């Protein structure tokens, strides 16, 4: 089962494959940057900036129909910005990276077909 769904993109683009491809490429770029930013965040002093990066990324999940990740990222964003539940943040960051990487992998596999 795919971790994303392109129905929304197909609808708003009248099934324009060039548009869909451009959006997917943009999503992959931004998702890769988010994963890298999560990987590079290793201190509490960086949490506020990571919170802003995640906040900016979340709306793109809707364009590519990613379900289940938005709630995880919203929770992580809140924990980071408020510096609460600090003991859970590293695990949530790892989980977010894994899920984002899975979506990237699946999109790339479909694009190669």
C-alpha atoms as a PDB file:
ATOM      1  CA  UNK A   1       0.000   0.000   0.000  1.00  0.00           C
ATOM      2  CA  UNK A   2       1.308   3.402  -0.960  1.00  0.00           C
ATOM      3  CA  UNK A   3       2.008   5.988   1.719  1.00  0.00           C
ATOM      4  CA  UNK A   4       0.797   8.762  -0.577  1.00  0.00           C
ATOM      5  CA  UNK A   5      -2.131   9.446  -2.898  1.00  0.00           C
ATOM      6  CA  UNK A   6      -2.076  11.704  -5.947  1.00  0.00           C
ATOM      7  CA  UNK A   7      -5.842  12.085  -6.332  1.00  0.00           C
ATOM      8  CA  UNK A   8      -5.801  15.690  -5.117  1.00  0.00           C
ATOM      9  CA  UNK A   9      -2.960  16.642  -7.483  1.00  0.00           C
ATOM     10  CA  UNK A  10      -4.690  14.939 -10.380  1.00  0.00           C
ATOM     11  CA  UNK A  11      -7.900  16.814  -9.622  1.00  0.00           C
ATOM     12  CA  UNK A  12      -6.411  20.301  -9.313  1.00  0.00           C
ATOM     13  CA  UNK A  13      -4.199  19.797 -12.378  1.00  0.00           C
ATOM     14  CA  UNK A  14      -6.782  18.147 -14.614  1.00  0.00           C
ATOM     15  CA  UNK A  15      -4.418  15.165 -14.619  1.00  0.00           C
ATOM     16  CA  UNK A  16      -1.545  17.219 -16.092  1.00  0.00           C
ATOM     17  CA  UNK A  17       1.395  14.810 -15.770  1.00  0.00           C
ATOM     18  CA  UNK A  18       4.026  17.549 -16.218  1.00  0.00           C
ATOM     19  CA  UNK A  19       2.496  19.572 -13.369  1.00  0.00           C
ATOM     20  CA  UNK A  20       2.231  16.502 -11.143  1.00  0.00           C
ATOM     21  CA  UNK A  21       5.838  15.576 -11.872  1.00  0.00           C
ATOM     22  CA  UNK A  22       6.995  19.104 -11.016  1.00  0.00           C
ATOM     23  CA  UNK A  23       5.108  19.072  -7.712  1.00  0.00           C
ATOM     24  CA  UNK A  24       6.515  15.642  -6.839  1.00  0.00           C
ATOM     25  CA  UNK A  25      10.056  16.776  -7.620  1.00  0.00           C
ATOM     26  CA  UNK A  26       9.564  19.857  -5.451  1.00  0.00           C
ATOM     27  CA  UNK A  27       8.152  17.683  -2.672  1.00  0.00           C
ATOM     28  CA  UNK A  28      11.139  15.320  -2.861  1.00  0.00           C
ATOM     29  CA  UNK A  29      13.544  18.259  -2.649  1.00  0.00           C
ATOM     30  CA  UNK A  30      11.834  19.813   0.354  1.00  0.00           C
ATOM     31  CA  UNK A  31      11.313  16.455   2.071  1.00  0.00           C
ATOM     32  CA  UNK A  32      14.996  15.623   1.618  1.00  0.00           C
ATOM     33  CA  UNK A  33      15.926  18.982   3.147  1.00  0.00           C
ATOM     34  CA  UNK A  34      13.619  18.346   6.113  1.00  0.00           C
ATOM     35  CA  UNK A  35      15.188  14.918   6.712  1.00  0.00           C
ATOM     36  CA  UNK A  36      18.654  16.485   6.551  1.00  0.00           C
ATOM     37  CA  UNK A  37      17.615  19.257   8.936  1.00  0.00           C
ATOM     38  CA  UNK A  38      16.242  16.688  11.383  1.00  0.00           C
ATOM     39  CA  UNK A  39      19.495  14.715  11.114  1.00  0.00           C
ATOM     40  CA  UNK A  40      21.573  17.825  11.737  1.00  0.00           C
ATOM     41  CA  UNK A  41      19.576  18.902  14.795  1.00  0.00           C
ATOM     42  CA  UNK A  42      21.500  17.683  17.788  1.00  0.00           C
ATOM     43  CA  UNK A  43      20.875  20.219  20.503  1.00  0.00           C
ATOM     44  CA  UNK A  44      17.975  21.866  22.230  1.00  0.00           C
ATOM     45  CA  UNK A  45      19.160  25.250  20.976  1.00  0.00           C
ATOM     46  CA  UNK A  46      18.228  24.152  17.427  1.00  0.00           C
ATOM     47  CA  UNK A  47      14.696  23.019  18.291  1.00  0.00           C
ATOM     48  CA  UNK A  48      12.979  26.312  17.510  1.00  0.00           C
ATOM     49  CA  UNK A  49      14.447  26.458  13.997  1.00  0.00           C
ATOM     50  CA  UNK A  50      13.568  22.810  13.326  1.00  0.00           C
ATOM     51  CA  UNK A  51      10.036  23.564  14.514  1.00  0.00           C
ATOM     52  CA  UNK A  52       9.768  26.310  11.869  1.00  0.00           C
ATOM     53  CA  UNK A  53      11.151  24.017   9.149  1.00  0.00           C
ATOM     54  CA  UNK A  54       8.602  21.331   9.997  1.00  0.00           C
ATOM     55  CA  UNK A  55       5.774  23.883  10.164  1.00  0.00           C
ATOM     56  CA  UNK A  56       6.634  25.087   6.665  1.00  0.00           C
ATOM     57  CA  UNK A  57       6.808  21.507   5.325  1.00  0.00           C
ATOM     58  CA  UNK A  58       3.505  20.169   6.701  1.00  0.00           C
ATOM     59  CA  UNK A  59       1.191  21.724   4.048  1.00  0.00           C
ATOM     60  CA  UNK A  60       3.083  19.951   1.261  1.00  0.00           C
ATOM     61  CA  UNK A  61       1.944  16.622   2.708  1.00  0.00           C
ATOM     62  CA  UNK A  62      -1.612  17.392   1.626  1.00  0.00           C
ATOM     63  CA  UNK A  63      -0.582  17.996  -1.991  1.00  0.00           C
ATOM     64  CA  UNK A  64       0.874  14.524  -2.317  1.00  0.00           C
ATOM     65  CA  UNK A  65      -1.792  12.904  -0.168  1.00  0.00           C
ATOM     66  CA  UNK A  66       0.460  11.703   2.637  1.00  0.00           C
ATOM     67  CA  UNK A  67      -1.685  10.487   5.507  1.00  0.00           C
ATOM     68  CA  UNK A  68      -0.574   9.735   9.041  1.00  0.00           C
ATOM     69  CA  UNK A  69       2.573  11.825   8.940  1.00  0.00           C
ATOM     70  CA  UNK A  70       0.921  15.212   9.428  1.00  0.00           C
ATOM     71  CA  UNK A  71      -0.231  14.392  12.949  1.00  0.00           C
ATOM     72  CA  UNK A  72       3.220  13.085  13.895  1.00  0.00           C
ATOM     73  CA  UNK A  73       4.897  16.217  12.545  1.00  0.00           C
ATOM     74  CA  UNK A  74       2.366  18.538  14.209  1.00  0.00           C
ATOM     75  CA  UNK A  75       3.083  16.887  17.558  1.00  0.00           C
ATOM     76  CA  UNK A  76       6.837  17.081  16.984  1.00  0.00           C
ATOM     77  CA  UNK A  77       6.543  20.735  15.966  1.00  0.00           C
ATOM     78  CA  UNK A  78       4.690  21.556  19.207  1.00  0.00           C
ATOM     79  CA  UNK A  79       7.196  19.672  21.354  1.00  0.00           C
ATOM     80  CA  UNK A  80      10.099  21.430  19.647  1.00  0.00           C
ATOM     81  CA  UNK A  81       8.648  24.939  19.788  1.00  0.00           C
ATOM     82  CA  UNK A  82       7.537  24.648  23.417  1.00  0.00           C
ATOM     83  CA  UNK A  83      10.529  22.528  24.432  1.00  0.00           C
ATOM     84  CA  UNK A  84       8.236  20.057  26.126  1.00  0.00           C
ATOM     85  CA  UNK A  85       8.375  16.276  26.348  1.00  0.00           C
ATOM     86  CA  UNK A  86      12.096  16.583  25.643  1.00  0.00           C
ATOM     87  CA  UNK A  87      12.664  12.888  26.291  1.00  0.00           C
ATOM     88  CA  UNK A  88      10.310  12.001  23.401  1.00  0.00           C
ATOM     89  CA  UNK A  89      11.797  14.372  20.816  1.00  0.00           C
ATOM     90  CA  UNK A  90      14.730  12.219  19.607  1.00  0.00           C
ATOM     91  CA  UNK A  91      12.463   9.200  19.053  1.00  0.00           C
ATOM     92  CA  UNK A  92       9.842  11.315  17.284  1.00  0.00           C
ATOM     93  CA  UNK A  93      12.539  12.879  15.092  1.00  0.00           C
ATOM     94  CA  UNK A  94      13.767   9.418  14.082  1.00  0.00           C
ATOM     95  CA  UNK A  95      10.233   8.230  13.346  1.00  0.00           C
ATOM     96  CA  UNK A  96       9.562  11.324  11.221  1.00  0.00           C
ATOM     97  CA  UNK A  97      12.765  10.783   9.226  1.00  0.00           C
ATOM     98  CA  UNK A  98      11.855   7.151   8.575  1.00  0.00           C
ATOM     99  CA  UNK A  99       8.344   8.016   7.386  1.00  0.00           C
ATOM    100  CA  UNK A 100       9.479  10.902   5.184  1.00  0.00           C
ATOM    101  CA  UNK A 101      12.220   8.757   3.661  1.00  0.00           C
ATOM    102  CA  UNK A 102       9.666   6.030   2.918  1.00  0.00           C
ATOM    103  CA  UNK A 103       7.443   8.489   1.039  1.00  0.00           C
ATOM    104  CA  UNK A 104      10.449   9.810  -0.908  1.00  0.00           C
ATOM    105  CA  UNK A 105      11.450   6.258  -1.825  1.00  0.00           C
ATOM    106  CA  UNK A 106       7.964   5.339  -3.017  1.00  0.00           C
ATOM    107  CA  UNK A 107       7.585   8.471  -5.126  1.00  0.00           C
ATOM    108  CA  UNK A 108      10.983   7.947  -6.742  1.00  0.00           C
ATOM    109  CA  UNK A 109      10.130   4.312  -7.546  1.00  0.00           C
ATOM    110  CA  UNK A 110       6.925   5.351  -9.304  1.00  0.00           C
ATOM    111  CA  UNK A 111       8.685   8.152 -11.180  1.00  0.00           C
ATOM    112  CA  UNK A 112      11.198   5.653 -12.585  1.00  0.00           C
ATOM    113  CA  UNK A 113       8.455   3.554 -14.147  1.00  0.00           C
END
